[in-house]
PDB file of all heavy atoms in Angstrom:
ATOM      1  N   TYR A   1     140.014  80.313 247.875  1.00  0.00           N
ATOM      2  CA  TYR A   1     140.229  79.702 246.560  1.00  0.00           C
ATOM      3  C   TYR A   1     140.515  80.785 245.527  1.00  0.00           C
ATOM      4  O   TYR A   1     139.932  81.875 245.582  1.00  0.00           O
ATOM      5  CB  TYR A   1     138.998  78.890 246.129  1.00  0.00           C
ATOM      6  CG  TYR A   1     138.820  77.625 246.935  1.00  0.00           C
ATOM      7  CD1 TYR A   1     138.088  77.623 248.113  1.00  0.00           C
ATOM      8  CD2 TYR A   1     139.410  76.428 246.525  1.00  0.00           C
ATOM      9  CE1 TYR A   1     137.926  76.470 248.861  1.00  0.00           C
ATOM     10  CE2 TYR A   1     139.260  75.266 247.273  1.00  0.00           C
ATOM     11  CZ  TYR A   1     138.517  75.292 248.428  1.00  0.00           C
ATOM     12  OH  TYR A   1     138.385  74.143 249.169  1.00  0.00           O
ATOM     13  N   GLY A   2     141.381  80.464 244.587  1.00  0.00           N
ATOM     14  CA  GLY A   2     141.699  81.362 243.494  1.00  0.00           C
ATOM     15  C   GLY A   2     141.104  80.861 242.191  1.00  0.00           C
ATOM     16  O   GLY A   2     141.201  79.674 241.875  1.00  0.00           O
ATOM     17  N   PHE A   3     140.484  81.771 241.444  1.00  0.00           N
ATOM     18  CA  PHE A   3     139.921  81.496 240.125  1.00  0.00           C
ATOM     19  C   PHE A   3     140.603  82.409 239.111  1.00  0.00           C
ATOM     20  O   PHE A   3     141.222  83.413 239.460  1.00  0.00           O
ATOM     21  CB  PHE A   3     138.424  81.818 240.072  1.00  0.00           C
ATOM     22  CG  PHE A   3     137.497  80.821 240.710  1.00  0.00           C
ATOM     23  CD1 PHE A   3     137.954  79.820 241.552  1.00  0.00           C
ATOM     24  CD2 PHE A   3     136.136  80.907 240.468  1.00  0.00           C
ATOM     25  CE1 PHE A   3     137.075  78.915 242.142  1.00  0.00           C
ATOM     26  CE2 PHE A   3     135.243  80.023 241.037  1.00  0.00           C
ATOM     27  CZ  PHE A   3     135.711  79.022 241.874  1.00  0.00           C
ATOM     28  N   ASN A   4     140.423  82.076 237.815  1.00  0.00           N
ATOM     29  CA  ASN A   4     140.667  83.054 236.765  1.00  0.00           C
ATOM     30  C   ASN A   4     139.329  83.407 236.116  1.00  0.00           C
ATOM     31  O   ASN A   4     138.286  82.905 236.520  1.00  0.00           O
ATOM     32  CB  ASN A   4     141.707  82.555 235.750  1.00  0.00           C
ATOM     33  CG  ASN A   4     141.256  81.311 235.001  1.00  0.00           C
ATOM     34  OD1 ASN A   4     140.074  81.106 234.724  1.00  0.00           O
ATOM     35  ND2 ASN A   4     142.209  80.459 234.643  1.00  0.00           N
ATOM     36  N   ARG A   5     139.351  84.278 235.115  1.00  0.00           N
ATOM     37  CA  ARG A   5     138.100  84.705 234.480  1.00  0.00           C
ATOM     38  C   ARG A   5     137.416  83.584 233.726  1.00  0.00           C
ATOM     39  O   ARG A   5     136.259  83.733 233.312  1.00  0.00           O
ATOM     40  CB  ARG A   5     138.379  85.859 233.515  1.00  0.00           C
ATOM     41  CG  ARG A   5     138.541  87.199 234.190  1.00  0.00           C
ATOM     42  CD  ARG A   5     139.205  88.200 233.274  1.00  0.00           C
ATOM     43  NE  ARG A   5     140.649  88.127 233.372  1.00  0.00           N
ATOM     44  CZ  ARG A   5     141.476  88.573 232.439  1.00  0.00           C
ATOM     45  NH1 ARG A   5     141.006  89.108 231.336  1.00  0.00           N
ATOM     46  NH2 ARG A   5     142.776  88.492 232.617  1.00  0.00           N
ATOM     47  N   LEU A   6     138.093  82.484 233.531  1.00  0.00           N
ATOM     48  CA  LEU A   6     137.532  81.367 232.776  1.00  0.00           C
ATOM     49  C   LEU A   6     137.361  80.118 233.638  1.00  0.00           C
ATOM     50  O   LEU A   6     137.305  79.012 233.120  1.00  0.00           O
ATOM     51  CB  LEU A   6     138.418  81.060 231.565  1.00  0.00           C
ATOM     52  CG  LEU A   6     138.384  82.133 230.473  1.00  0.00           C
ATOM     53  CD1 LEU A   6     139.434  81.852 229.402  1.00  0.00           C
ATOM     54  CD2 LEU A   6     137.001  82.201 229.836  1.00  0.00           C
ATOM     55  N   THR A   7     137.261  80.295 234.941  1.00  0.00           N
ATOM     56  CA  THR A   7     136.999  79.153 235.817  1.00  0.00           C
ATOM     57  C   THR A   7     135.516  78.810 235.749  1.00  0.00           C
ATOM     58  O   THR A   7     134.658  79.608 236.160  1.00  0.00           O
ATOM     59  CB  THR A   7     137.405  79.456 237.260  1.00  0.00           C
ATOM     60  OG1 THR A   7     138.811  79.726 237.309  1.00  0.00           O
ATOM     61  CG2 THR A   7     137.097  78.261 238.166  1.00  0.00           C
ATOM     62  N   VAL A   8     135.213  77.637 235.225  1.00  0.00           N
ATOM     63  CA  VAL A   8     133.827  77.177 235.125  1.00  0.00           C
ATOM     64  C   VAL A   8     133.375  76.712 236.517  1.00  0.00           C
ATOM     65  O   VAL A   8     134.036  75.876 237.148  1.00  0.00           O
ATOM     66  CB  VAL A   8     133.707  76.033 234.106  1.00  0.00           C
ATOM     67  CG1 VAL A   8     132.272  75.503 234.064  1.00  0.00           C
ATOM     68  CG2 VAL A   8     134.145  76.512 232.715  1.00  0.00           C
ATOM     69  N   HIS A   9     132.264  77.248 236.985  1.00  0.00           N
ATOM     70  CA  HIS A   9     131.770  76.899 238.307  1.00  0.00           C
ATOM     71  C   HIS A   9     130.262  77.085 238.359  1.00  0.00           C
ATOM     72  O   HIS A   9     129.654  77.636 237.433  1.00  0.00           O
ATOM     73  CB  HIS A   9     132.460  77.740 239.394  1.00  0.00           C
ATOM     74  CG  HIS A   9     132.254  79.215 239.254  1.00  0.00           C
ATOM     75  ND1 HIS A   9     132.833  79.972 238.249  1.00  0.00           N
ATOM     76  CD2 HIS A   9     131.533  80.096 240.009  1.00  0.00           C
ATOM     77  CE1 HIS A   9     132.483  81.233 238.389  1.00  0.00           C
ATOM     78  NE2 HIS A   9     131.687  81.339 239.446  1.00  0.00           N
ATOM     79  N   GLU A  10     129.656  76.623 239.449  1.00  0.00           N
ATOM     80  CA  GLU A  10     128.225  76.798 239.642  1.00  0.00           C
ATOM     81  C   GLU A  10     127.906  76.794 241.129  1.00  0.00           C
ATOM     82  O   GLU A  10     128.584  76.130 241.926  1.00  0.00           O
ATOM     83  CB  GLU A  10     127.420  75.706 238.936  1.00  0.00           C
ATOM     84  CG  GLU A  10     127.626  74.306 239.479  1.00  0.00           C
ATOM     85  CD  GLU A  10     126.768  73.274 238.776  1.00  0.00           C
ATOM     86  OE1 GLU A  10     125.929  73.662 237.940  1.00  0.00           O
ATOM     87  OE2 GLU A  10     126.942  72.069 239.055  1.00  0.00           O
ATOM     88  N   SER A  11     126.880  77.545 241.498  1.00  0.00           N
ATOM     89  CA  SER A  11     126.383  77.514 242.868  1.00  0.00           C
ATOM     90  C   SER A  11     125.521  76.277 243.058  1.00  0.00           C
ATOM     91  O   SER A  11     124.832  75.832 242.133  1.00  0.00           O
ATOM     92  CB  SER A  11     125.565  78.765 243.172  1.00  0.00           C
ATOM     93  OG  SER A  11     126.393  79.903 243.181  1.00  0.00           O
ATOM     94  N   MET A  12     125.564  75.722 244.255  1.00  0.00           N
ATOM     95  CA  MET A  12     124.849  74.492 244.569  1.00  0.00           C
ATOM     96  C   MET A  12     123.563  74.819 245.333  1.00  0.00           C
ATOM     97  O   MET A  12     123.491  75.773 246.093  1.00  0.00           O
ATOM     98  CB  MET A  12     125.761  73.575 245.394  1.00  0.00           C
ATOM     99  CG  MET A  12     127.039  73.207 244.656  1.00  0.00           C
ATOM    100  SD  MET A  12     128.363  72.557 245.722  1.00  0.00           S
ATOM    101  CE  MET A  12     127.639  71.018 246.260  1.00  0.00           C
ATOM    102  N   THR A  13     122.545  73.998 245.105  1.00  0.00           N
ATOM    103  CA  THR A  13     121.245  74.178 245.752  1.00  0.00           C
ATOM    104  C   THR A  13     121.299  73.673 247.195  1.00  0.00           C
ATOM    105  O   THR A  13     121.866  72.616 247.470  1.00  0.00           O
ATOM    106  CB  THR A  13     120.160  73.429 244.963  1.00  0.00           C
ATOM    107  OG1 THR A  13     120.127  73.938 243.624  1.00  0.00           O
ATOM    108  CG2 THR A  13     118.794  73.616 245.600  1.00  0.00           C
ATOM    109  N   PHE A  14     120.689  74.434 248.097  1.00  0.00           N
ATOM    110  CA  PHE A  14     120.630  74.050 249.505  1.00  0.00           C
ATOM    111  C   PHE A  14     119.401  73.162 249.762  1.00  0.00           C
ATOM    112  O   PHE A  14     118.299  73.489 249.332  1.00  0.00           O
ATOM    113  CB  PHE A  14     120.555  75.299 250.388  1.00  0.00           C
ATOM    114  CG  PHE A  14     121.874  75.965 250.622  1.00  0.00           C
ATOM    115  CD1 PHE A  14     122.674  76.367 249.561  1.00  0.00           C
ATOM    116  CD2 PHE A  14     122.339  76.177 251.909  1.00  0.00           C
ATOM    117  CE1 PHE A  14     123.896  76.974 249.767  1.00  0.00           C
ATOM    118  CE2 PHE A  14     123.571  76.776 252.134  1.00  0.00           C
ATOM    119  CZ  PHE A  14     124.352  77.174 251.067  1.00  0.00           C
ATOM    120  N   ARG A  15     119.628  72.064 250.455  1.00  0.00           N
ATOM    121  CA  ARG A  15     118.506  71.188 250.794  1.00  0.00           C
ATOM    122  C   ARG A  15     117.660  71.747 251.930  1.00  0.00           C
ATOM    123  O   ARG A  15     116.458  71.497 252.011  1.00  0.00           O
ATOM    124  CB  ARG A  15     119.034  69.802 251.183  1.00  0.00           C
ATOM    125  CG  ARG A  15     119.713  69.056 250.035  1.00  0.00           C
ATOM    126  CD  ARG A  15     120.184  67.701 250.485  1.00  0.00           C
ATOM    127  NE  ARG A  15     120.822  66.974 249.390  1.00  0.00           N
ATOM    128  CZ  ARG A  15     121.351  65.764 249.517  1.00  0.00           C
ATOM    129  NH1 ARG A  15     121.333  65.151 250.695  1.00  0.00           N
ATOM    130  NH2 ARG A  15     121.916  65.176 248.477  1.00  0.00           N
ATOM    131  N   ARG A  16     118.321  72.474 252.842  1.00  0.00           N
ATOM    132  CA  ARG A  16     117.632  73.078 253.984  1.00  0.00           C
ATOM    133  C   ARG A  16     118.038  74.550 254.079  1.00  0.00           C
ATOM    134  O   ARG A  16     119.123  74.923 253.631  1.00  0.00           O
ATOM    135  CB  ARG A  16     118.003  72.350 255.282  1.00  0.00           C
ATOM    136  CG  ARG A  16     117.500  70.926 255.351  1.00  0.00           C
ATOM    137  CD  ARG A  16     117.894  70.267 256.666  1.00  0.00           C
ATOM    138  NE  ARG A  16     119.331  70.068 256.754  1.00  0.00           N
ATOM    139  CZ  ARG A  16     119.975  69.017 256.235  1.00  0.00           C
ATOM    140  NH1 ARG A  16     119.302  68.089 255.591  1.00  0.00           N
ATOM    141  NH2 ARG A  16     121.279  68.904 256.370  1.00  0.00           N
ATOM    142  N   PRO A  17     117.211  75.383 254.691  1.00  0.00           N
ATOM    143  CA  PRO A  17     117.606  76.779 254.869  1.00  0.00           C
ATOM    144  C   PRO A  17     118.914  76.878 255.652  1.00  0.00           C
ATOM    145  O   PRO A  17     119.136  76.119 256.604  1.00  0.00           O
ATOM    146  CB  PRO A  17     116.440  77.387 255.658  1.00  0.00           C
ATOM    147  CG  PRO A  17     115.282  76.471 255.415  1.00  0.00           C
ATOM    148  CD  PRO A  17     115.870  75.104 255.262  1.00  0.00           C
ATOM    149  N   ALA A  18     119.768  77.792 255.262  1.00  0.00           N
ATOM    150  CA  ALA A  18     121.050  77.962 255.950  1.00  0.00           C
ATOM    151  C   ALA A  18     121.553  79.379 255.729  1.00  0.00           C
ATOM    152  O   ALA A  18     121.367  79.969 254.659  1.00  0.00           O
ATOM    153  CB  ALA A  18     122.076  76.959 255.437  1.00  0.00           C
ATOM    154  N   TYR A  19     122.185  79.917 256.747  1.00  0.00           N
ATOM    155  CA  TYR A  19     122.819  81.230 256.643  1.00  0.00           C
ATOM    156  C   TYR A  19     124.225  81.008 256.093  1.00  0.00           C
ATOM    157  O   TYR A  19     124.989  80.199 256.618  1.00  0.00           O
ATOM    158  CB  TYR A  19     122.886  81.885 258.025  1.00  0.00           C
ATOM    159  CG  TYR A  19     123.277  83.341 257.999  1.00  0.00           C
ATOM    160  CD1 TYR A  19     122.328  84.345 257.845  1.00  0.00           C
ATOM    161  CD2 TYR A  19     124.610  83.721 258.142  1.00  0.00           C
ATOM    162  CE1 TYR A  19     122.683  85.683 257.836  1.00  0.00           C
ATOM    163  CE2 TYR A  19     124.979  85.062 258.130  1.00  0.00           C
ATOM    164  CZ  TYR A  19     124.007  86.029 257.980  1.00  0.00           C
ATOM    165  OH  TYR A  19     124.372  87.351 257.954  1.00  0.00           O
ATOM    166  N   ARG A  20     124.557  81.732 255.031  1.00  0.00           N
ATOM    167  CA  ARG A  20     125.866  81.541 254.388  1.00  0.00           C
ATOM    168  C   ARG A  20     126.530  82.886 254.171  1.00  0.00           C
ATOM    169  O   ARG A  20     125.867  83.875 253.837  1.00  0.00           O
ATOM    170  CB  ARG A  20     125.718  80.811 253.046  1.00  0.00           C
ATOM    171  CG  ARG A  20     127.041  80.489 252.342  1.00  0.00           C
ATOM    172  CD  ARG A  20     126.782  79.593 251.128  1.00  0.00           C
ATOM    173  NE  ARG A  20     128.008  79.145 250.476  1.00  0.00           N
ATOM    174  CZ  ARG A  20     128.524  79.683 249.372  1.00  0.00           C
ATOM    175  NH1 ARG A  20     127.915  80.721 248.785  1.00  0.00           N
ATOM    176  NH2 ARG A  20     129.625  79.208 248.835  1.00  0.00           N
ATOM    177  N   ARG A  21     127.839  82.908 254.335  1.00  0.00           N
ATOM    178  CA  ARG A  21     128.641  84.104 254.089  1.00  0.00           C
ATOM    179  C   ARG A  21     129.612  83.822 252.951  1.00  0.00           C
ATOM    180  O   ARG A  21     130.245  82.770 252.905  1.00  0.00           O
ATOM    181  CB  ARG A  21     129.397  84.512 255.359  1.00  0.00           C
ATOM    182  CG  ARG A  21     128.474  84.953 256.460  1.00  0.00           C
ATOM    183  CD  ARG A  21     129.222  85.473 257.666  1.00  0.00           C
ATOM    184  NE  ARG A  21     129.902  84.405 258.383  1.00  0.00           N
ATOM    185  CZ  ARG A  21     130.763  84.605 259.381  1.00  0.00           C
ATOM    186  NH1 ARG A  21     131.071  85.830 259.744  1.00  0.00           N
ATOM    187  NH2 ARG A  21     131.316  83.594 260.001  1.00  0.00           N
ATOM    188  N   PHE A  22     129.715  84.786 252.063  1.00  0.00           N
ATOM    189  CA  PHE A  22     130.566  84.670 250.881  1.00  0.00           C
ATOM    190  C   PHE A  22     131.329  85.976 250.723  1.00  0.00           C
ATOM    191  O   PHE A  22     130.757  87.068 250.879  1.00  0.00           O
ATOM    192  CB  PHE A  22     129.701  84.415 249.645  1.00  0.00           C
ATOM    193  CG  PHE A  22     130.415  84.549 248.323  1.00  0.00           C
ATOM    194  CD1 PHE A  22     131.129  83.490 247.787  1.00  0.00           C
ATOM    195  CD2 PHE A  22     130.362  85.740 247.605  1.00  0.00           C
ATOM    196  CE1 PHE A  22     131.772  83.610 246.564  1.00  0.00           C
ATOM    197  CE2 PHE A  22     131.007  85.866 246.388  1.00  0.00           C
ATOM    198  CZ  PHE A  22     131.715  84.791 245.869  1.00  0.00           C
ATOM    199  N   VAL A  23     132.630  85.887 250.415  1.00  0.00           N
ATOM    200  CA  VAL A  23     133.426  87.082 250.157  1.00  0.00           C
ATOM    201  C   VAL A  23     134.281  86.828 248.922  1.00  0.00           C
ATOM    202  O   VAL A  23     134.761  85.707 248.710  1.00  0.00           O
ATOM    203  CB  VAL A  23     134.306  87.446 251.376  1.00  0.00           C
ATOM    204  CG1 VAL A  23     135.263  86.325 251.740  1.00  0.00           C
ATOM    205  CG2 VAL A  23     135.072  88.747 251.129  1.00  0.00           C
ATOM    206  N   ARG A  24     134.450  87.865 248.116  1.00  0.00           N
ATOM    207  CA  ARG A  24     135.256  87.737 246.892  1.00  0.00           C
ATOM    208  C   ARG A  24     135.991  89.039 246.640  1.00  0.00           C
ATOM    209  O   ARG A  24     135.443  90.129 246.819  1.00  0.00           O
ATOM    210  CB  ARG A  24     134.343  87.424 245.690  1.00  0.00           C
ATOM    211  CG  ARG A  24     135.091  87.274 244.364  1.00  0.00           C
ATOM    212  CD  ARG A  24     134.133  87.049 243.215  1.00  0.00           C
ATOM    213  NE  ARG A  24     133.307  88.236 243.001  1.00  0.00           N
ATOM    214  CZ  ARG A  24     132.139  88.223 242.356  1.00  0.00           C
ATOM    215  NH1 ARG A  24     131.650  87.104 241.867  1.00  0.00           N
ATOM    216  NH2 ARG A  24     131.453  89.352 242.200  1.00  0.00           N
ATOM    217  N   LEU A  25     137.246  88.915 246.225  1.00  0.00           N
ATOM    218  CA  LEU A  25     138.050  90.062 245.821  1.00  0.00           C
ATOM    219  C   LEU A  25     138.518  89.826 244.388  1.00  0.00           C
ATOM    220  O   LEU A  25     139.105  88.787 244.080  1.00  0.00           O
ATOM    221  CB  LEU A  25     139.249  90.228 246.754  1.00  0.00           C
ATOM    222  CG  LEU A  25     140.167  91.431 246.488  1.00  0.00           C
ATOM    223  CD1 LEU A  25     139.404  92.741 246.633  1.00  0.00           C
ATOM    224  CD2 LEU A  25     141.364  91.402 247.432  1.00  0.00           C
ATOM    225  N   VAL A  26     138.233  90.800 243.536  1.00  0.00           N
ATOM    226  CA  VAL A  26     138.548  90.715 242.105  1.00  0.00           C
ATOM    227  C   VAL A  26     139.595  91.765 241.775  1.00  0.00           C
ATOM    228  O   VAL A  26     139.490  92.913 242.214  1.00  0.00           O
ATOM    229  CB  VAL A  26     137.275  90.956 241.252  1.00  0.00           C
ATOM    230  CG1 VAL A  26     137.601  90.893 239.767  1.00  0.00           C
ATOM    231  CG2 VAL A  26     136.198  89.945 241.618  1.00  0.00           C
ATOM    232  N   GLY A  27     140.606  91.398 241.006  1.00  0.00           N
ATOM    233  CA  GLY A  27     141.636  92.350 240.609  1.00  0.00           C
ATOM    234  C   GLY A  27     141.161  93.317 239.542  1.00  0.00           C
ATOM    235  O   GLY A  27     139.986  93.346 239.154  1.00  0.00           O
ATOM    236  N   ASP A  28     142.086  94.101 239.026  1.00  0.00           N
ATOM    237  CA  ASP A  28     141.777  95.146 238.044  1.00  0.00           C
ATOM    238  C   ASP A  28     141.652  94.526 236.652  1.00  0.00           C
ATOM    239  O   ASP A  28     142.504  94.704 235.781  1.00  0.00           O
ATOM    240  CB  ASP A  28     142.882  96.210 238.068  1.00  0.00           C
ATOM    241  CG  ASP A  28     142.578  97.396 237.171  1.00  0.00           C
ATOM    242  OD1 ASP A  28     141.438  97.501 236.676  1.00  0.00           O
ATOM    243  OD2 ASP A  28     143.487  98.215 236.959  1.00  0.00           O
ATOM    244  N   ILE A  29     140.554  93.769 236.468  1.00  0.00           N
ATOM    245  CA  ILE A  29     140.361  93.034 235.216  1.00  0.00           C
ATOM    246  C   ILE A  29     139.070  93.414 234.500  1.00  0.00           C
ATOM    247  O   ILE A  29     138.744  92.843 233.464  1.00  0.00           O
ATOM    248  CB  ILE A  29     140.365  91.510 235.460  1.00  0.00           C
ATOM    249  CG1 ILE A  29     139.210  91.099 236.387  1.00  0.00           C
ATOM    250  CG2 ILE A  29     141.707  91.048 236.017  1.00  0.00           C
ATOM    251  CD1 ILE A  29     139.039  89.591 236.532  1.00  0.00           C
ATOM    252  N   LEU A  30     138.324  94.383 235.036  1.00  0.00           N
ATOM    253  CA  LEU A  30     137.033  94.715 234.450  1.00  0.00           C
ATOM    254  C   LEU A  30     137.175  95.670 233.281  1.00  0.00           C
ATOM    255  O   LEU A  30     137.927  96.626 233.348  1.00  0.00           O
ATOM    256  CB  LEU A  30     136.114  95.355 235.489  1.00  0.00           C
ATOM    257  CG  LEU A  30     135.800  94.579 236.762  1.00  0.00           C
ATOM    258  CD1 LEU A  30     134.698  95.297 237.520  1.00  0.00           C
ATOM    259  CD2 LEU A  30     135.404  93.158 236.466  1.00  0.00           C
ATOM    260  N   ALA A  31     136.424  95.410 232.228  1.00  0.00           N
ATOM    261  CA  ALA A  31     136.315  96.374 231.140  1.00  0.00           C
ATOM    262  C   ALA A  31     135.111  97.283 231.345  1.00  0.00           C
ATOM    263  O   ALA A  31     135.074  98.392 230.836  1.00  0.00           O
ATOM    264  CB  ALA A  31     136.208  95.660 229.800  1.00  0.00           C
ATOM    265  N   GLU A  32     134.116  96.789 232.125  1.00  0.00           N
ATOM    266  CA  GLU A  32     132.907  97.572 232.390  1.00  0.00           C
ATOM    267  C   GLU A  32     132.576  97.508 233.869  1.00  0.00           C
ATOM    268  O   GLU A  32     132.733  96.470 234.512  1.00  0.00           O
ATOM    269  CB  GLU A  32     131.711  97.035 231.590  1.00  0.00           C
ATOM    270  CG  GLU A  32     131.861  97.186 230.086  1.00  0.00           C
ATOM    271  CD  GLU A  32     130.670  96.616 229.342  1.00  0.00           C
ATOM    272  OE1 GLU A  32     130.045  95.666 229.838  1.00  0.00           O
ATOM    273  OE2 GLU A  32     130.375  97.130 228.253  1.00  0.00           O
ATOM    274  N   TYR A  33     132.108  98.631 234.409  1.00  0.00           N
ATOM    275  CA  TYR A  33     131.664  98.702 235.799  1.00  0.00           C
ATOM    276  C   TYR A  33     130.235  99.227 235.794  1.00  0.00           C
ATOM    277  O   TYR A  33     129.951 100.284 235.221  1.00  0.00           O
ATOM    278  CB  TYR A  33     132.567  99.625 236.616  1.00  0.00           C
ATOM    279  CG  TYR A  33     132.245  99.620 238.089  1.00  0.00           C
ATOM    280  CD1 TYR A  33     132.791  98.661 238.933  1.00  0.00           C
ATOM    281  CD2 TYR A  33     131.367 100.556 238.627  1.00  0.00           C
ATOM    282  CE1 TYR A  33     132.478  98.630 240.283  1.00  0.00           C
ATOM    283  CE2 TYR A  33     131.046 100.533 239.974  1.00  0.00           C
ATOM    284  CZ  TYR A  33     131.605  99.570 240.799  1.00  0.00           C
ATOM    285  OH  TYR A  33     131.291  99.545 242.137  1.00  0.00           O
ATOM    286  N   TYR A  34     129.342  98.501 236.461  1.00  0.00           N
ATOM    287  CA  TYR A  34     127.918  98.839 236.396  1.00  0.00           C
ATOM    288  C   TYR A  34     127.502  99.788 237.512  1.00  0.00           C
ATOM    289  O   TYR A  34     127.991  99.704 238.640  1.00  0.00           O
ATOM    290  CB  TYR A  34     127.080  97.554 236.443  1.00  0.00           C
ATOM    291  CG  TYR A  34     127.278  96.712 235.204  1.00  0.00           C
ATOM    292  CD1 TYR A  34     128.202  95.682 235.186  1.00  0.00           C
ATOM    293  CD2 TYR A  34     126.555  96.979 234.045  1.00  0.00           C
ATOM    294  CE1 TYR A  34     128.407  94.921 234.039  1.00  0.00           C
ATOM    295  CE2 TYR A  34     126.749  96.229 232.893  1.00  0.00           C
ATOM    296  CZ  TYR A  34     127.673  95.207 232.898  1.00  0.00           C
ATOM    297  OH  TYR A  34     127.875  94.465 231.763  1.00  0.00           O
ATOM    298  N   THR A  35     126.583 100.671 237.184  1.00  0.00           N
ATOM    299  CA  THR A  35     126.205 101.733 238.108  1.00  0.00           C
ATOM    300  C   THR A  35     125.426 101.224 239.317  1.00  0.00           C
ATOM    301  O   THR A  35     125.291 101.948 240.310  1.00  0.00           O
ATOM    302  CB  THR A  35     125.378 102.806 237.388  1.00  0.00           C
ATOM    303  OG1 THR A  35     124.255 102.182 236.728  1.00  0.00           O
ATOM    304  CG2 THR A  35     126.219 103.538 236.362  1.00  0.00           C
ATOM    305  N   ASN A  36     124.877 100.007 239.266  1.00  0.00           N
ATOM    306  CA  ASN A  36     124.177  99.472 240.433  1.00  0.00           C
ATOM    307  C   ASN A  36     125.077  98.579 241.285  1.00  0.00           C
ATOM    308  O   ASN A  36     124.591  97.882 242.186  1.00  0.00           O
ATOM    309  CB  ASN A  36     122.887  98.745 240.048  1.00  0.00           C
ATOM    310  CG  ASN A  36     123.068  97.724 238.943  1.00  0.00           C
ATOM    311  OD1 ASN A  36     124.085  97.702 238.249  1.00  0.00           O
ATOM    312  ND2 ASN A  36     122.077  96.878 238.762  1.00  0.00           N
ATOM    313  N   TYR A  37     126.385  98.595 241.043  1.00  0.00           N
ATOM    314  CA  TYR A  37     127.319  98.020 241.995  1.00  0.00           C
ATOM    315  C   TYR A  37     127.433  98.977 243.193  1.00  0.00           C
ATOM    316  O   TYR A  37     127.002 100.128 243.140  1.00  0.00           O
ATOM    317  CB  TYR A  37     128.695  97.821 241.356  1.00  0.00           C
ATOM    318  CG  TYR A  37     128.808  96.658 240.400  1.00  0.00           C
ATOM    319  CD1 TYR A  37     129.814  96.645 239.421  1.00  0.00           C
ATOM    320  CD2 TYR A  37     127.945  95.567 240.450  1.00  0.00           C
ATOM    321  CE1 TYR A  37     129.942  95.573 238.540  1.00  0.00           C
ATOM    322  CE2 TYR A  37     128.064  94.506 239.568  1.00  0.00           C
ATOM    323  CZ  TYR A  37     129.072  94.507 238.614  1.00  0.00           C
ATOM    324  OH  TYR A  37     129.204  93.461 237.747  1.00  0.00           O
ATOM    325  N   THR A  38     128.054  98.507 244.272  1.00  0.00           N
ATOM    326  CA  THR A  38     128.142  99.298 245.501  1.00  0.00           C
ATOM    327  C   THR A  38     129.241 100.348 245.399  1.00  0.00           C
ATOM    328  O   THR A  38     130.410 100.010 245.167  1.00  0.00           O
ATOM    329  CB  THR A  38     128.434  98.375 246.703  1.00  0.00           C
ATOM    330  OG1 THR A  38     127.437  97.338 246.764  1.00  0.00           O
ATOM    331  CG2 THR A  38     128.433  99.166 248.005  1.00  0.00           C
ATOM    332  N   ALA A  39     128.879 101.602 245.576  1.00  0.00           N
ATOM    333  CA  ALA A  39     129.877 102.681 245.587  1.00  0.00           C
ATOM    334  C   ALA A  39     130.642 102.651 246.901  1.00  0.00           C
ATOM    335  O   ALA A  39     130.115 102.259 247.944  1.00  0.00           O
ATOM    336  CB  ALA A  39     129.183 104.026 245.413  1.00  0.00           C
ATOM    337  N   ASN A  40     131.897 103.071 246.854  1.00  0.00           N
ATOM    338  CA  ASN A  40     132.697 103.178 248.063  1.00  0.00           C
ATOM    339  C   ASN A  40     132.502 104.582 248.649  1.00  0.00           C
ATOM    340  O   ASN A  40     132.859 105.573 247.999  1.00  0.00           O
ATOM    341  CB  ASN A  40     134.173 102.926 247.747  1.00  0.00           C
ATOM    342  CG  ASN A  40     135.037 102.815 248.986  1.00  0.00           C
ATOM    343  OD1 ASN A  40     134.830 103.518 249.964  1.00  0.00           O
ATOM    344  ND2 ASN A  40     136.024 101.927 248.941  1.00  0.00           N
ATOM    345  N   PRO A  41     131.954 104.695 249.863  1.00  0.00           N
ATOM    346  CA  PRO A  41     131.696 106.029 250.414  1.00  0.00           C
ATOM    347  C   PRO A  41     132.959 106.832 250.702  1.00  0.00           C
ATOM    348  O   PRO A  41     132.872 108.051 250.927  1.00  0.00           O
ATOM    349  CB  PRO A  41     130.926 105.727 251.709  1.00  0.00           C
ATOM    350  CG  PRO A  41     131.286 104.329 252.055  1.00  0.00           C
ATOM    351  CD  PRO A  41     131.494 103.624 250.756  1.00  0.00           C
ATOM    352  N   LEU A  42     134.133 106.172 250.666  1.00  0.00           N
ATOM    353  CA  LEU A  42     135.391 106.907 250.863  1.00  0.00           C
ATOM    354  C   LEU A  42     135.895 107.525 249.562  1.00  0.00           C
ATOM    355  O   LEU A  42     136.929 108.189 249.554  1.00  0.00           O
ATOM    356  CB  LEU A  42     136.459 105.968 251.438  1.00  0.00           C
ATOM    357  CG  LEU A  42     136.167 105.384 252.821  1.00  0.00           C
ATOM    358  CD1 LEU A  42     137.315 104.492 253.268  1.00  0.00           C
ATOM    359  CD2 LEU A  42     135.936 106.492 253.835  1.00  0.00           C
ATOM    360  N   GLY A  43     135.169 107.300 248.482  1.00  0.00           N
ATOM    361  CA  GLY A  43     135.529 107.927 247.217  1.00  0.00           C
ATOM    362  C   GLY A  43     136.450 107.124 246.335  1.00  0.00           C
ATOM    363  O   GLY A  43     136.887 107.629 245.288  1.00  0.00           O
ATOM    364  N   VAL A  44     136.762 105.877 246.694  1.00  0.00           N
ATOM    365  CA  VAL A  44     137.574 105.033 245.808  1.00  0.00           C
ATOM    366  C   VAL A  44     136.743 104.706 244.575  1.00  0.00           C
ATOM    367  O   VAL A  44     135.619 104.215 244.688  1.00  0.00           O
ATOM    368  CB  VAL A  44     138.026 103.739 246.516  1.00  0.00           C
ATOM    369  CG1 VAL A  44     138.884 102.890 245.575  1.00  0.00           C
ATOM    370  CG2 VAL A  44     138.789 104.056 247.795  1.00  0.00           C
TER     371      VAL A  44
END
């Protein structure tokens, strides 16, 4: 699915325990990058 920065959305509550996988790729749209995000060990 494709979103923009203004796509209104919400995560849904699980009724039962479940293993879930989520992946997201964001383009070059950030004005701020936080130091507790994951560093790329290849130096990117």
